[in-house]
Protein backbone atom coordinates (compact mmCIF):
# COMPACT_ATOMS: atom_id res chain seq x y z
CA MET A 1 96.29 108.23 109.85
CA THR A 2 97.41 109.54 106.31
CA SER A 3 100.88 111.60 105.95
CA ALA A 4 101.08 114.80 104.54
CA THR A 5 100.93 114.14 100.57
CA CYS A 6 102.43 115.93 97.61
CA SER A 7 99.77 115.24 95.67
CA ALA A 8 96.36 116.07 95.52
CA VAL A 9 95.32 112.77 93.82
CA ALA A 10 97.17 110.43 96.15
CA ALA A 11 95.84 112.07 99.32
CA PRO A 12 92.21 110.74 99.39
CA ILE A 13 93.59 107.21 98.27
CA ALA A 14 96.53 107.10 101.21
CA MET A 15 93.14 107.98 103.33
CA ILE A 16 91.25 105.05 102.09
CA PHE A 17 94.38 102.75 102.86
CA ALA A 18 94.75 104.40 106.32
CA THR A 19 90.98 104.01 106.98
CA ASN A 20 91.01 100.24 105.77
CA ASP A 21 94.01 99.68 108.04
CA HIS A 22 91.84 100.75 111.09
CA LEU A 23 89.30 98.60 110.12
CA ALA A 24 91.04 95.36 109.21
CA LEU A 25 92.86 95.67 112.56
CA ARG A 26 89.33 95.86 114.42
CA ALA A 27 88.11 92.93 112.35
CA LEU A 28 90.44 90.66 113.81
CA ASP A 29 89.93 91.99 117.67
CA GLY A 30 89.01 89.50 120.06
CA LEU A 31 88.65 86.58 117.35
CA THR A 32 89.82 83.22 118.67
CA HIS A 33 92.50 81.31 116.80
CA GLU A 34 89.66 78.69 115.38
CA GLN A 35 87.48 81.97 114.58
CA LEU A 36 90.30 83.39 112.51
CA TRP A 37 90.26 80.24 110.55
CA GLU A 38 86.58 79.59 110.20
CA ALA A 39 85.00 80.21 106.93
CA PRO A 40 81.60 81.26 106.65
CA THR A 41 80.91 78.90 104.04
CA GLU A 42 82.95 76.41 102.01
CA ARG A 43 83.17 78.85 99.11
CA ASN A 44 84.38 81.64 101.54
CA ASN A 45 87.94 82.38 102.56
CA ALA A 46 88.87 82.84 106.50
CA MET A 47 89.33 85.99 108.07
CA LEU A 48 92.98 85.65 108.63
CA TRP A 49 93.58 84.46 105.27
CA VAL A 50 91.89 87.51 103.95
CA ALA A 51 94.05 89.60 106.06
CA GLY A 52 97.26 87.84 104.91
CA HIS A 53 96.03 88.43 101.39
CA ILE A 54 95.56 92.10 102.10
CA VAL A 55 99.13 92.58 103.29
CA GLN A 56 100.53 90.28 100.42
CA THR A 57 98.43 92.67 97.59
CA ARG A 58 99.97 95.75 99.64
CA ALA A 59 103.40 94.45 99.49
CA GLN A 60 102.87 93.93 95.74
CA LEU A 61 101.90 97.81 95.27
CA LEU A 62 104.78 98.78 96.87
CA ALA A 63 106.75 96.80 94.50
CA LEU A 64 105.01 98.24 91.47
CA LEU A 65 105.47 101.64 93.15
CA GLY A 66 109.57 101.09 93.17
CA GLU A 67 109.84 99.72 96.70
CA PRO A 68 110.11 95.93 96.77
CA PHE A 69 108.66 94.57 100.15
CA ASP A 70 108.94 91.01 100.91
CA THR A 71 106.31 89.60 103.36
CA GLY A 72 108.45 86.46 103.81
CA TRP A 73 105.09 84.25 102.88
CA GLY A 74 105.74 83.29 99.51
CA ALA A 75 102.31 82.67 97.59
CA LEU A 76 100.46 81.52 100.78
CA PHE A 77 98.09 84.31 100.41
CA ASN A 78 98.17 84.97 96.55
CA ARG A 79 94.99 85.01 94.72
CA GLY A 80 93.51 81.72 93.81
CA ALA A 81 95.94 79.81 96.35
CA THR A 82 94.43 76.52 97.79
CA ILE A 83 94.09 77.28 101.19
CA GLY A 84 95.82 74.35 103.56
CA ASP A 85 96.24 73.67 107.16
CA ALA A 86 96.17 76.89 109.41
CA ASN A 87 99.43 75.83 111.15
CA ALA A 88 101.21 76.13 107.88
CA TYR A 89 100.53 80.36 107.73
CA PRO A 90 101.85 82.90 109.95
CA PRO A 91 100.17 83.72 113.27
CA ARG A 92 97.93 86.48 113.79
CA GLY A 93 100.58 88.60 115.44
CA GLU A 94 102.99 88.17 112.50
CA ILE A 95 100.29 89.11 110.06
CA GLU A 96 99.60 92.26 112.06
CA ARG A 97 102.98 93.26 112.59
CA VAL A 98 103.84 93.11 109.01
CA MET A 99 100.35 94.85 108.35
CA ARG A 100 101.60 97.63 110.16
CA ASP A 101 105.20 97.81 108.40
CA VAL A 102 103.59 97.59 104.79
CA SER A 103 100.79 100.10 105.81
CA LYS A 104 103.45 102.75 107.11
CA ARG A 105 105.56 101.96 104.01
CA LEU A 106 102.70 102.31 101.69
CA GLN A 107 101.73 105.73 103.38
CA SER A 108 104.78 106.94 102.92
CA LYS A 109 105.61 106.16 99.30
CA LEU A 110 102.20 107.77 98.69
CA ALA A 111 103.11 110.91 100.31
CA ALA A 112 106.47 110.87 98.25
CA LEU A 113 104.65 110.70 94.97
CA ASP A 114 103.97 113.58 92.57
CA ASP A 115 101.48 114.07 89.90
CA GLU A 116 103.66 113.53 87.17
CA GLN A 117 104.61 109.96 88.54
CA LEU A 118 100.76 109.25 89.11
CA ALA A 119 100.52 110.07 85.56
CA GLN A 120 102.60 107.61 83.96
CA PRO A 121 101.24 104.50 82.52
CA PRO A 122 100.62 101.60 84.76
CA SER A 123 103.25 99.25 85.34
CA MET A 124 100.82 96.08 85.71
CA ASP A 125 97.90 95.36 83.26
CA LEU A 126 94.60 96.28 85.57
CA PRO A 127 91.40 96.55 83.77
CA GLY A 128 90.62 100.15 83.19
CA ALA A 129 94.21 101.58 84.67
CA ARG A 130 95.64 104.11 82.16
CA THR A 131 98.05 105.71 84.69
CA VAL A 132 99.95 104.71 88.15
CA ALA A 133 97.17 106.55 89.65
CA ASP A 134 94.47 104.40 88.14
CA GLN A 135 96.63 101.47 89.22
CA VAL A 136 96.95 102.52 92.62
CA ALA A 137 93.08 103.45 92.78
CA GLY A 138 92.51 100.03 91.74
CA PHE A 139 94.72 98.49 94.54
CA ALA A 140 92.65 100.82 96.80
CA PHE A 141 89.51 99.21 95.69
CA HIS A 142 90.98 95.64 95.97
CA ASP A 143 92.03 96.34 99.53
CA SER A 144 88.28 97.80 100.26
CA TYR A 145 86.29 95.00 99.04
CA HIS A 146 88.39 92.72 101.23
CA ILE A 147 88.14 94.89 104.17
CA GLY A 148 84.06 94.43 103.41
CA GLN A 149 84.74 90.64 103.34
CA MET A 150 86.30 90.64 106.63
CA GLY A 151 83.29 93.12 108.09
CA TYR A 152 80.80 89.77 106.61
CA ILE A 153 83.16 87.32 108.14
CA ARG A 154 83.13 89.32 111.48
CA LYS A 155 79.25 89.42 111.66
CA ALA A 156 79.12 85.70 110.37
CA LEU A 157 81.11 84.95 113.64
CA GLY A 158 78.24 86.77 115.77
CA TYR A 159 80.29 90.01 116.48
CA PRO A 160 79.01 93.36 115.62
CA ALA A 161 79.35 95.23 112.31
CA LEU A 162 82.81 97.14 111.51
CA ALA A 163 80.92 100.57 110.91
CA GLY A 164 77.38 101.59 110.72
């Protein structure tokens, strides 16, 4: 659910993140611990790793927007990280709890942004991003990309599609 926002630019981006929240939690629903760590192929990531990565990058976005958030997970879910033993990662409940917390904070931050802030230069080099709004939209795209992966993984595990 999105919060009322000051900016017509931030409102649809907030809606994308809110929709993704719902889909991410649905993707995890009903999966066993083993299924959460089963990758469709040796070249794919497992569902729970993807979920943790989404949370980690949302925390990174919060920091870029001036609200640092430490998941406490270090580099476990960073892009390019080598995935190790499932027992070295936070459990599903912890990932879901932190996801809800990060999402709530992100929605509040997006609601507080005004057009002047969104028009500022980005604080991170992101291809094609010329403004903070572009940067935030890029993160929303990244988030959606991984939600799509979660839907694919869920179907590969024999579960119904997340949407459609």
